Amino acid sequence: MASITPIILQNNQRQDGTWLVVYRLTHKRKSVYIKTSHVITKSQLNKDNTIKQKFIIDYLSADVKSLQETINKLGLKSEQYTAAQLKEILTVGSKEIDFIEYMEEFLEK
């Protein structure tokens, strides 16, 4: 089952000293990152660079819950996808999955 965690990537520090929060989507031991528009400062991080302020975690959890619900709607089909394919499904929105296109890609592999 895929998991989604809000994190910052240490090497993605912006010039103004802030970091862009990304969601790490982990599925089948592979991770991909989904960019967000949320920005965080050094004072909002623990020493190990995890998010420490509860109101930020609560704010981000609404997004995580929404993304997780989208994956849950796929049901058992979600196990057929790679992490990158799940990311595409989550970022494209409510686009219907073209089964024939998926099978053609699968058969090419």
Protein backbone atom coordinates (compact mmCIF):
# COMPACT_ATOMS: atom_id res chain seq x y z
CA MET A 1 0.00 0.00 0.00
CA ALA A 2 1.25 3.46 -0.86
CA SER A 3 2.12 5.92 1.88
CA ILE A 4 2.36 9.70 1.69
CA THR A 5 4.52 11.80 4.02
CA PRO A 6 5.11 15.57 3.99
CA ILE A 7 8.86 16.31 4.13
CA ILE A 8 11.46 18.83 3.06
CA LEU A 9 14.45 17.91 0.96
CA GLN A 10 17.59 19.39 2.47
CA ASN A 11 19.14 20.18 -0.91
CA ASN A 12 16.05 22.14 -2.03
CA GLN A 13 16.64 25.20 0.13
CA ARG A 14 15.50 28.36 -1.62
CA GLN A 15 17.54 31.55 -1.82
CA ASP A 16 15.40 33.21 0.86
CA GLY A 17 16.32 30.46 3.37
CA THR A 18 13.01 28.58 3.18
CA TRP A 19 12.20 25.11 1.91
CA LEU A 20 9.40 23.90 -0.29
CA VAL A 21 7.42 21.11 1.35
CA VAL A 22 7.05 18.02 -0.83
CA TYR A 23 4.99 14.90 -0.35
CA ARG A 24 7.00 11.70 -0.49
CA LEU A 25 4.92 8.96 -2.11
CA THR A 26 6.36 5.55 -1.29
CA HIS A 27 5.01 2.47 -3.04
CA LYS A 28 6.66 -0.91 -3.55
CA ARG A 29 9.88 0.37 -1.94
CA LYS A 30 10.20 3.20 -4.47
CA SER A 31 9.76 6.87 -3.64
CA VAL A 32 8.69 9.78 -5.80
CA TYR A 33 8.07 13.36 -4.74
CA ILE A 34 5.03 15.55 -5.34
CA LYS A 35 5.72 19.29 -5.21
CA THR A 36 3.47 21.56 -3.19
CA SER A 37 3.12 25.31 -2.83
CA HIS A 38 3.74 25.16 0.93
CA VAL A 39 6.89 26.85 2.23
CA ILE A 40 8.54 26.29 5.61
CA THR A 41 11.30 28.12 7.50
CA LYS A 42 14.19 26.82 9.60
CA SER A 43 12.39 27.77 12.84
CA GLN A 44 9.56 25.40 11.90
CA LEU A 45 11.89 22.39 11.69
CA ASN A 46 13.33 20.06 14.31
CA LYS A 47 17.07 19.43 14.48
CA ASP A 48 16.61 16.37 12.25
CA ASN A 49 14.81 18.57 9.66
CA THR A 50 11.34 17.17 10.32
CA ILE A 51 8.35 19.48 10.64
CA LYS A 52 7.78 20.35 14.27
CA GLN A 53 4.90 22.80 14.45
CA LYS A 54 1.56 21.10 14.96
CA PHE A 55 -0.53 23.63 13.03
CA ILE A 56 1.59 23.04 9.92
CA ILE A 57 1.28 19.27 10.29
CA ASP A 58 -2.50 19.63 10.73
CA TYR A 59 -2.71 21.85 7.64
CA LEU A 60 -0.69 19.41 5.54
CA SER A 61 -2.61 16.39 6.83
CA ALA A 62 -5.74 17.55 4.99
CA ASP A 63 -3.81 17.33 1.69
CA VAL A 64 -2.31 13.96 2.65
CA LYS A 65 -5.76 12.64 3.55
CA SER A 66 -7.16 13.75 0.19
CA LEU A 67 -4.29 12.11 -1.73
CA GLN A 68 -4.64 8.92 0.31
CA GLU A 69 -8.40 8.80 -0.39
CA THR A 70 -7.68 9.01 -4.13
CA ILE A 71 -5.36 6.02 -3.83
CA ASN A 72 -7.91 4.15 -1.70
CA LYS A 73 -10.56 4.66 -4.41
CA LEU A 74 -8.35 2.68 -6.78
CA GLY A 75 -8.64 -0.27 -4.40
CA LEU A 76 -6.67 -3.34 -5.41
CA LYS A 77 -5.83 -1.73 -8.76
CA SER A 78 -3.35 0.51 -6.93
CA GLU A 79 -1.06 -2.51 -6.50
CA GLN A 80 -0.72 -2.78 -10.27
CA TYR A 81 0.81 0.68 -10.57
CA THR A 82 4.34 1.87 -9.91
CA ALA A 83 5.04 4.81 -7.62
CA ALA A 84 5.56 7.05 -10.67
CA GLN A 85 2.22 6.00 -12.15
CA LEU A 86 0.44 6.69 -8.85
CA LYS A 87 2.07 10.12 -8.76
CA GLU A 88 0.74 10.83 -12.23
CA ILE A 89 -2.76 9.75 -11.20
CA LEU A 90 -2.61 12.01 -8.12
CA THR A 91 -1.23 15.05 -9.93
CA VAL A 92 -3.35 14.85 -13.08
CA GLY A 93 -6.55 14.96 -11.07
CA SER A 94 -9.75 13.19 -11.97
CA LYS A 95 -8.56 12.03 -15.38
CA GLU A 96 -9.98 8.61 -16.16
CA ILE A 97 -7.45 5.82 -16.58
CA ASP A 98 -7.34 4.52 -20.14
CA PHE A 99 -7.17 0.75 -19.71
CA ILE A 100 -6.11 0.05 -23.30
CA GLU A 101 -3.29 2.62 -23.10
CA TYR A 102 -2.16 1.10 -19.80
CA MET A 103 -2.16 -2.42 -21.26
CA GLU A 104 -0.21 -1.30 -24.34
CA GLU A 105 2.45 0.23 -22.07
CA PHE A 106 2.46 -2.91 -19.94
CA LEU A 107 2.89 -5.19 -22.95
CA GLU A 108 5.75 -3.05 -24.29
CA LYS A 109 7.66 -3.62 -21.05
